[in-house]
Amino acid sequence: VGVSISPWNFPCAIFIGMAAAPIVAGNCVLVKPAEDAG
């Protein structure tokens, strides 16, 4: 289990890329998006 802390400047692509990669590898992820792009 890991934590993904993503930025506001690519709030769709980087957010989902940082989550999807560990997930497809079999991990579980807690995602904390940027406050400006929830």
All heavy atoms as atom14 arrays in JSON, in Angstrom:
{
  "sequence": "VGVSISPWNFPCAIFIGMAAAPIVAGNCVLVKPAEDAG",
  "atom14_mask": [
    [1, 1, 1, 1, 1, 1, 1, 0, 0, 0, 0, 0, 0, 0],
    [1, 1, 1, 1, 0, 0, 0, 0, 0, 0, 0, 0, 0, 0],
    [1, 1, 1, 1, 1, 1, 1, 0, 0, 0, 0, 0, 0, 0],
    [1, 1, 1, 1, 1, 1, 0, 0, 0, 0, 0, 0, 0, 0],
    [1, 1, 1, 1, 1, 1, 1, 1, 0, 0, 0, 0, 0, 0],
    [1, 1, 1, 1, 1, 1, 0, 0, 0, 0, 0, 0, 0, 0],
    [1, 1, 1, 1, 1, 1, 1, 0, 0, 0, 0, 0, 0, 0],
    [1, 1, 1, 1, 1, 1, 1, 1, 1, 1, 1, 1, 1, 1],
    [1, 1, 1, 1, 1, 1, 1, 1, 0, 0, 0, 0, 0, 0],
    [1, 1, 1, 1, 1, 1, 1, 1, 1, 1, 1, 0, 0, 0],
    [1, 1, 1, 1, 1, 1, 1, 0, 0, 0, 0, 0, 0, 0],
    [1, 1, 1, 1, 1, 1, 0, 0, 0, 0, 0, 0, 0, 0],
    [1, 1, 1, 1, 1, 0, 0, 0, 0, 0, 0, 0, 0, 0],
    [1, 1, 1, 1, 1, 1, 1, 1, 0, 0, 0, 0, 0, 0],
    [1, 1, 1, 1, 1, 1, 1, 1, 1, 1, 1, 0, 0, 0],
    [1, 1, 1, 1, 1, 1, 1, 1, 0, 0, 0, 0, 0, 0],
    [1, 1, 1, 1, 0, 0, 0, 0, 0, 0, 0, 0, 0, 0],
    [1, 1, 1, 1, 1, 1, 1, 1, 0, 0, 0, 0, 0, 0],
    [1, 1, 1, 1, 1, 0, 0, 0, 0, 0, 0, 0, 0, 0],
    [1, 1, 1, 1, 1, 0, 0, 0, 0, 0, 0, 0, 0, 0],
    [1, 1, 1, 1, 1, 0, 0, 0, 0, 0, 0, 0, 0, 0],
    [1, 1, 1, 1, 1, 1, 1, 0, 0, 0, 0, 0, 0, 0],
    [1, 1, 1, 1, 1, 1, 1, 1, 0, 0, 0, 0, 0, 0],
    [1, 1, 1, 1, 1, 1, 1, 0, 0, 0, 0, 0, 0, 0],
    [1, 1, 1, 1, 1, 0, 0, 0, 0, 0, 0, 0, 0, 0],
    [1, 1, 1, 1, 0, 0, 0, 0, 0, 0, 0, 0, 0, 0],
    [1, 1, 1, 1, 1, 1, 1, 1, 0, 0, 0, 0, 0, 0],
    [1, 1, 1, 1, 1, 1, 0, 0, 0, 0, 0, 0, 0, 0],
    [1, 1, 1, 1, 1, 1, 1, 0, 0, 0, 0, 0, 0, 0],
    [1, 1, 1, 1, 1, 1, 1, 1, 0, 0, 0, 0, 0, 0],
    [1, 1, 1, 1, 1, 1, 1, 0, 0, 0, 0, 0, 0, 0],
    [1, 1, 1, 1, 1, 1, 1, 1, 1, 0, 0, 0, 0, 0],
    [1, 1, 1, 1, 1, 1, 1, 0, 0, 0, 0, 0, 0, 0],
    [1, 1, 1, 1, 1, 0, 0, 0, 0, 0, 0, 0, 0, 0],
    [1, 1, 1, 1, 1, 1, 1, 1, 1, 0, 0, 0, 0, 0],
    [1, 1, 1, 1, 1, 1, 1, 1, 0, 0, 0, 0, 0, 0],
    [1, 1, 1, 1, 1, 0, 0, 0, 0, 0, 0, 0, 0, 0],
    [1, 1, 1, 1, 0, 0, 0, 0, 0, 0, 0, 0, 0, 0]
  ],
  "atom14_positions": [
    [[0.85, -1.2, 0.0], [0.0, 0.0, 0.0], [0.88, 1.24, 0.0], [1.82, 1.35, 0.8], [-0.94, 0.02, 1.22], [-1.72, 1.33, 1.29], [-1.89, -1.16, 1.16], [0.0, 0.0, 0.0], [0.0, 0.0, 0.0], [0.0, 0.0, 0.0], [0.0, 0.0, 0.0], [0.0, 0.0, 0.0], [0.0, 0.0, 0.0], [0.0, 0.0, 0.0]],
    [[0.57, 2.16, -0.89], [1.35, 3.39, -0.98], [0.47, 4.62, -1.06], [-0.76, 4.54, -1.11], [0.0, 0.0, 0.0], [0.0, 0.0, 0.0], [0.0, 0.0, 0.0], [0.0, 0.0, 0.0], [0.0, 0.0, 0.0], [0.0, 0.0, 0.0], [0.0, 0.0, 0.0], [0.0, 0.0, 0.0], [0.0, 0.0, 0.0], [0.0, 0.0, 0.0]],
    [[1.13, 5.76, -1.09], [0.47, 7.06, -1.12], [0.89, 7.8, -2.38], [2.08, 7.84, -2.71], [0.85, 7.89, 0.12], [0.16, 9.25, 0.09], [0.5, 7.15, 1.4], [0.0, 0.0, 0.0], [0.0, 0.0, 0.0], [0.0, 0.0, 0.0], [0.0, 0.0, 0.0], [0.0, 0.0, 0.0], [0.0, 0.0, 0.0], [0.0, 0.0, 0.0]],
    [[-0.08, 8.37, -3.09], [0.19, 9.17, -4.27], [-0.23, 10.61, -4.0], [-1.4, 10.88, -3.71], [-0.56, 8.62, -5.49], [-0.4, 9.46, -6.61], [0.0, 0.0, 0.0], [0.0, 0.0, 0.0], [0.0, 0.0, 0.0], [0.0, 0.0, 0.0], [0.0, 0.0, 0.0], [0.0, 0.0, 0.0], [0.0, 0.0, 0.0], [0.0, 0.0, 0.0]],
    [[0.72, 11.53, -4.11], [0.46, 12.96, -3.88], [0.72, 13.68, -5.2], [1.87, 13.8, -5.64], [1.36, 13.51, -2.76], [1.16, 12.69, -1.48], [1.06, 14.98, -2.51], [2.14, 13.02, -0.36], [0.0, 0.0, 0.0], [0.0, 0.0, 0.0], [0.0, 0.0, 0.0], [0.0, 0.0, 0.0], [0.0, 0.0, 0.0], [0.0, 0.0, 0.0]],
    [[-0.35, 14.12, -5.84], [-0.26, 14.62, -7.22], [-0.44, 16.13, -7.3], [-0.97, 16.75, -6.37], [-1.31, 13.91, -8.09], [-2.61, 14.07, -7.56], [0.0, 0.0, 0.0], [0.0, 0.0, 0.0], [0.0, 0.0, 0.0], [0.0, 0.0, 0.0], [0.0, 0.0, 0.0], [0.0, 0.0, 0.0], [0.0, 0.0, 0.0], [0.0, 0.0, 0.0]],
    [[-0.02, 16.75, -8.41], [-0.01, 18.21, -8.53], [-1.27, 18.76, -9.2], [-2.06, 18.03, -9.78], [1.2, 18.45, -9.41], [1.17, 17.28, -10.36], [0.67, 16.11, -9.56], [0.0, 0.0, 0.0], [0.0, 0.0, 0.0], [0.0, 0.0, 0.0], [0.0, 0.0, 0.0], [0.0, 0.0, 0.0], [0.0, 0.0, 0.0], [0.0, 0.0, 0.0]],
    [[-1.38, 20.09, -9.17], [-2.53, 20.76, -9.77], [-2.31, 21.08, -11.25], [-3.27, 21.35, -11.97], [-2.85, 22.07, -9.03], [-1.67, 22.97, -8.83], [-0.95, 23.11, -7.7], [-1.07, 23.85, -9.8], [0.08, 24.02, -7.89], [0.02, 24.49, -9.17], [-1.35, 24.16, -11.13], [0.84, 25.41, -9.82], [-0.54, 25.07, -11.79], [0.53, 25.69, -11.14]],
    [[-1.07, 21.07, -11.73], [-0.85, 21.55, -13.09], [-1.21, 20.5, -14.16], [-1.54, 20.86, -15.29], [0.58, 22.05, -13.28], [1.62, 20.97, -13.1], [1.43, 20.02, -12.34], [2.74, 21.12, -13.79], [0.0, 0.0, 0.0], [0.0, 0.0, 0.0], [0.0, 0.0, 0.0], [0.0, 0.0, 0.0], [0.0, 0.0, 0.0], [0.0, 0.0, 0.0]],
    [[-1.16, 19.22, -13.81], [-1.68, 18.15, -14.67], [-2.61, 17.29, -13.81], [-2.31, 16.13, -13.52], [-0.55, 17.32, -15.28], [0.19, 18.04, -16.38], [1.27, 18.86, -16.09], [-0.21, 17.91, -17.7], [1.94, 19.54, -17.09], [0.46, 18.59, -18.71], [1.53, 19.41, -18.41], [0.0, 0.0, 0.0], [0.0, 0.0, 0.0], [0.0, 0.0, 0.0]],
    [[-3.76, 17.86, -13.42], [-4.6, 17.22, -12.4], [-5.39, 16.03, -12.89], [-5.98, 15.31, -12.09], [-5.54, 18.35, -11.98], [-5.68, 19.18, -13.22], [-4.32, 19.16, -13.86], [0.0, 0.0, 0.0], [0.0, 0.0, 0.0], [0.0, 0.0, 0.0], [0.0, 0.0, 0.0], [0.0, 0.0, 0.0], [0.0, 0.0, 0.0], [0.0, 0.0, 0.0]],
    [[-5.39, 15.79, -14.19], [-6.03, 14.61, -14.77], [-4.98, 13.57, -15.13], [-5.01, 12.44, -14.64], [-6.84, 15.01, -16.0], [-7.63, 13.64, -16.87], [0.0, 0.0, 0.0], [0.0, 0.0, 0.0], [0.0, 0.0, 0.0], [0.0, 0.0, 0.0], [0.0, 0.0, 0.0], [0.0, 0.0, 0.0], [0.0, 0.0, 0.0], [0.0, 0.0, 0.0]],
    [[-4.02, 13.93, -15.97], [-3.05, 12.97, -16.49], [-2.09, 12.46, -15.42], [-1.91, 11.25, -15.24], [-2.27, 13.58, -17.65], [0.0, 0.0, 0.0], [0.0, 0.0, 0.0], [0.0, 0.0, 0.0], [0.0, 0.0, 0.0], [0.0, 0.0, 0.0], [0.0, 0.0, 0.0], [0.0, 0.0, 0.0], [0.0, 0.0, 0.0], [0.0, 0.0, 0.0]],
    [[-1.43, 13.38, -14.7], [-0.47, 12.93, -13.69], [-1.21, 12.25, -12.55], [-0.75, 11.24, -12.01], [0.4, 14.1, -13.21], [1.3, 14.58, -14.35], [1.25, 13.67, -12.02], [2.25, 15.71, -13.97], [0.0, 0.0, 0.0], [0.0, 0.0, 0.0], [0.0, 0.0, 0.0], [0.0, 0.0, 0.0], [0.0, 0.0, 0.0], [0.0, 0.0, 0.0]],
    [[-2.36, 12.79, -12.17], [-3.14, 12.16, -11.1], [-3.44, 10.71, -11.42], [-3.18, 9.81, -10.61], [-4.45, 12.93, -10.89], [-5.4, 12.25, -9.95], [-5.25, 12.37, -8.57], [-6.46, 11.49, -10.43], [-6.13, 11.73, -7.69], [-7.34, 10.86, -9.56], [-7.17, 10.98, -8.19], [0.0, 0.0, 0.0], [0.0, 0.0, 0.0], [0.0, 0.0, 0.0]],
    [[-3.96, 10.44, -12.62], [-4.36, 9.07, -12.93], [-3.15, 8.21, -13.27], [-3.11, 7.02, -12.95], [-5.41, 9.02, -14.06], [-6.17, 7.69, -14.02], [-4.8, 9.25, -15.42], [-6.95, 7.44, -12.75], [0.0, 0.0, 0.0], [0.0, 0.0, 0.0], [0.0, 0.0, 0.0], [0.0, 0.0, 0.0], [0.0, 0.0, 0.0], [0.0, 0.0, 0.0]],
    [[-2.12, 8.78, -13.87], [-0.93, 8.0, -14.17], [-0.22, 7.52, -12.91], [0.22, 6.37, -12.83], [0.0, 0.0, 0.0], [0.0, 0.0, 0.0], [0.0, 0.0, 0.0], [0.0, 0.0, 0.0], [0.0, 0.0, 0.0], [0.0, 0.0, 0.0], [0.0, 0.0, 0.0], [0.0, 0.0, 0.0], [0.0, 0.0, 0.0], [0.0, 0.0, 0.0]],
    [[-0.13, 8.41, -11.91], [0.53, 8.05, -10.66], [-0.27, 7.02, -9.87], [0.29, 6.31, -9.03], [0.73, 9.3, -9.8], [1.83, 10.21, -10.32], [1.9, 11.83, -9.46], [2.21, 11.31, -7.78], [0.0, 0.0, 0.0], [0.0, 0.0, 0.0], [0.0, 0.0, 0.0], [0.0, 0.0, 0.0], [0.0, 0.0, 0.0], [0.0, 0.0, 0.0]],
    [[-1.57, 6.94, -10.11], [-2.4, 5.94, -9.43], [-2.47, 4.64, -10.21], [-2.38, 3.55, -9.64], [-3.81, 6.49, -9.21], [0.0, 0.0, 0.0], [0.0, 0.0, 0.0], [0.0, 0.0, 0.0], [0.0, 0.0, 0.0], [0.0, 0.0, 0.0], [0.0, 0.0, 0.0], [0.0, 0.0, 0.0], [0.0, 0.0, 0.0], [0.0, 0.0, 0.0]],
    [[-2.64, 4.74, -11.53], [-2.87, 3.55, -12.35], [-1.66, 2.62, -12.38], [-1.81, 1.4, -12.39], [-3.24, 3.97, -13.77], [0.0, 0.0, 0.0], [0.0, 0.0, 0.0], [0.0, 0.0, 0.0], [0.0, 0.0, 0.0], [0.0, 0.0, 0.0], [0.0, 0.0, 0.0], [0.0, 0.0, 0.0], [0.0, 0.0, 0.0], [0.0, 0.0, 0.0]],
    [[-0.46, 3.17, -12.4], [0.74, 2.33, -12.5], [0.89, 1.4, -11.29], [1.02, 0.18, -11.47], [1.98, 3.21, -12.68], [0.0, 0.0, 0.0], [0.0, 0.0, 0.0], [0.0, 0.0, 0.0], [0.0, 0.0, 0.0], [0.0, 0.0, 0.0], [0.0, 0.0, 0.0], [0.0, 0.0, 0.0], [0.0, 0.0, 0.0], [0.0, 0.0, 0.0]],
    [[0.87, 1.91, -10.07], [0.96, 0.97, -8.94], [-0.24, 0.05, -8.83], [-0.1, -1.1, -8.41], [1.08, 1.89, -7.72], [0.64, 3.23, -8.15], [0.93, 3.31, -9.62], [0.0, 0.0, 0.0], [0.0, 0.0, 0.0], [0.0, 0.0, 0.0], [0.0, 0.0, 0.0], [0.0, 0.0, 0.0], [0.0, 0.0, 0.0], [0.0, 0.0, 0.0]],
    [[-1.42, 0.52, -9.22], [-2.62, -0.31, -9.13], [-2.52, -1.51, -10.06], [-2.79, -2.65, -9.67], [-3.88, 0.53, -9.42], [-4.24, 1.37, -8.19], [-5.06, -0.35, -9.82], [-5.35, 2.37, -8.43], [0.0, 0.0, 0.0], [0.0, 0.0, 0.0], [0.0, 0.0, 0.0], [0.0, 0.0, 0.0], [0.0, 0.0, 0.0], [0.0, 0.0, 0.0]],
    [[-2.13, -1.3, -11.31], [-2.09, -2.42, -12.25], [-0.99, -3.4, -11.86], [-1.07, -4.6, -12.18], [-1.89, -1.92, -13.7], [-0.45, -1.54, -13.99], [-2.38, -2.96, -14.7], [0.0, 0.0, 0.0], [0.0, 0.0, 0.0], [0.0, 0.0, 0.0], [0.0, 0.0, 0.0], [0.0, 0.0, 0.0], [0.0, 0.0, 0.0], [0.0, 0.0, 0.0]],
    [[0.0, -2.93, -11.11], [1.07, -3.81, -10.63], [0.65, -4.63, -9.42], [1.41, -5.47, -8.95], [2.32, -3.0, -10.31], [0.0, 0.0, 0.0], [0.0, 0.0, 0.0], [0.0, 0.0, 0.0], [0.0, 0.0, 0.0], [0.0, 0.0, 0.0], [0.0, 0.0, 0.0], [0.0, 0.0, 0.0], [0.0, 0.0, 0.0], [0.0, 0.0, 0.0]],
    [[-0.57, -4.37, -8.9], [-1.08, -5.18, -7.8], [-1.09, -4.51, -6.45], [-1.36, -5.16, -5.44], [0.0, 0.0, 0.0], [0.0, 0.0, 0.0], [0.0, 0.0, 0.0], [0.0, 0.0, 0.0], [0.0, 0.0, 0.0], [0.0, 0.0, 0.0], [0.0, 0.0, 0.0], [0.0, 0.0, 0.0], [0.0, 0.0, 0.0], [0.0, 0.0, 0.0]],
    [[-0.78, -3.2, -6.41], [-0.76, -2.46, -5.16], [-2.1, -1.76, -4.91], [-2.92, -1.61, -5.82], [0.34, -1.4, -5.19], [1.7, -2.0, -5.46], [2.31, -2.58, -4.59], [2.17, -1.86, -6.7], [0.0, 0.0, 0.0], [0.0, 0.0, 0.0], [0.0, 0.0, 0.0], [0.0, 0.0, 0.0], [0.0, 0.0, 0.0], [0.0, 0.0, 0.0]],
    [[-2.3, -1.28, -3.7], [-3.41, -0.41, -3.37], [-2.86, 0.98, -3.06], [-1.75, 1.11, -2.54], [-4.2, -0.95, -2.19], [-5.0, -2.54, -2.53], [0.0, 0.0, 0.0], [0.0, 0.0, 0.0], [0.0, 0.0, 0.0], [0.0, 0.0, 0.0], [0.0, 0.0, 0.0], [0.0, 0.0, 0.0], [0.0, 0.0, 0.0], [0.0, 0.0, 0.0]],
    [[-3.63, 2.01, -3.4], [-3.1, 3.37, -3.36], [-4.08, 4.32, -2.69], [-5.28, 4.3, -2.97], [-2.79, 3.89, -4.78], [-2.15, 5.26, -4.72], [-1.89, 2.93, -5.54], [0.0, 0.0, 0.0], [0.0, 0.0, 0.0], [0.0, 0.0, 0.0], [0.0, 0.0, 0.0], [0.0, 0.0, 0.0], [0.0, 0.0, 0.0], [0.0, 0.0, 0.0]],
    [[-3.53, 5.16, -1.81], [-4.27, 6.29, -1.25], [-3.89, 7.51, -2.06], [-2.7, 7.87, -2.13], [-3.89, 6.51, 0.21], [-4.49, 5.56, 1.26], [-3.99, 4.13, 1.1], [-4.15, 6.07, 2.67], [0.0, 0.0, 0.0], [0.0, 0.0, 0.0], [0.0, 0.0, 0.0], [0.0, 0.0, 0.0], [0.0, 0.0, 0.0], [0.0, 0.0, 0.0]],
    [[-4.86, 8.14, -2.73], [-4.56, 9.28, -3.59], [-4.96, 10.58, -2.9], [-6.1, 10.73, -2.46], [-5.24, 9.15, -4.97], [-4.61, 8.02, -5.77], [-6.74, 8.94, -4.86], [0.0, 0.0, 0.0], [0.0, 0.0, 0.0], [0.0, 0.0, 0.0], [0.0, 0.0, 0.0], [0.0, 0.0, 0.0], [0.0, 0.0, 0.0], [0.0, 0.0, 0.0]],
    [[-3.99, 11.49, -2.81], [-4.26, 12.82, -2.29], [-4.02, 13.82, -3.41], [-2.89, 14.17, -3.72], [-3.38, 13.16, -1.09], [-3.89, 14.37, -0.3], [-2.81, 15.24, 0.27], [-2.23, 16.22, -0.71], [-3.18, 17.27, -1.17], [0.0, 0.0, 0.0], [0.0, 0.0, 0.0], [0.0, 0.0, 0.0], [0.0, 0.0, 0.0], [0.0, 0.0, 0.0]],
    [[-5.09, 14.31, -4.05], [-4.91, 15.28, -5.13], [-4.56, 16.66, -4.59], [-4.7, 16.94, -3.39], [-6.29, 15.3, -5.8], [-7.24, 15.0, -4.68], [-6.51, 14.02, -3.8], [0.0, 0.0, 0.0], [0.0, 0.0, 0.0], [0.0, 0.0, 0.0], [0.0, 0.0, 0.0], [0.0, 0.0, 0.0], [0.0, 0.0, 0.0], [0.0, 0.0, 0.0]],
    [[-4.11, 17.53, -5.46], [-3.84, 18.91, -5.08], [-5.13, 19.59, -4.65], [-6.21, 19.35, -5.22], [-3.22, 19.66, -6.26], [0.0, 0.0, 0.0], [0.0, 0.0, 0.0], [0.0, 0.0, 0.0], [0.0, 0.0, 0.0], [0.0, 0.0, 0.0], [0.0, 0.0, 0.0], [0.0, 0.0, 0.0], [0.0, 0.0, 0.0], [0.0, 0.0, 0.0]],
    [[-5.03, 20.46, -3.65], [-6.21, 21.13, -3.12], [-6.91, 21.98, -4.17], [-8.12, 22.2, -4.08], [-5.82, 22.03, -1.94], [-5.38, 21.28, -0.69], [-3.88, 21.12, -0.57], [-3.25, 20.68, -1.55], [-3.35, 21.44, 0.51], [0.0, 0.0, 0.0], [0.0, 0.0, 0.0], [0.0, 0.0, 0.0], [0.0, 0.0, 0.0], [0.0, 0.0, 0.0]],
    [[-6.18, 22.46, -5.18], [-6.77, 23.34, -6.19], [-7.47, 22.59, -7.31], [-8.06, 23.22, -8.19], [-5.68, 24.22, -6.82], [-5.04, 25.15, -5.81], [-5.74, 26.04, -5.32], [-3.85, 24.97, -5.51], [0.0, 0.0, 0.0], [0.0, 0.0, 0.0], [0.0, 0.0, 0.0], [0.0, 0.0, 0.0], [0.0, 0.0, 0.0], [0.0, 0.0, 0.0]],
    [[-7.41, 21.26, -7.3], [-7.93, 20.5, -8.44], [-8.65, 19.24, -7.99], [-8.51, 18.18, -8.59], [-6.79, 20.16, -9.39], [0.0, 0.0, 0.0], [0.0, 0.0, 0.0], [0.0, 0.0, 0.0], [0.0, 0.0, 0.0], [0.0, 0.0, 0.0], [0.0, 0.0, 0.0], [0.0, 0.0, 0.0], [0.0, 0.0, 0.0], [0.0, 0.0, 0.0]],
    [[-9.46, 19.36, -6.95], [-10.14, 18.18, -6.42], [-11.26, 17.66, -7.27], [-11.57, 16.46, -7.24], [0.0, 0.0, 0.0], [0.0, 0.0, 0.0], [0.0, 0.0, 0.0], [0.0, 0.0, 0.0], [0.0, 0.0, 0.0], [0.0, 0.0, 0.0], [0.0, 0.0, 0.0], [0.0, 0.0, 0.0], [0.0, 0.0, 0.0], [0.0, 0.0, 0.0]]
  ]
}
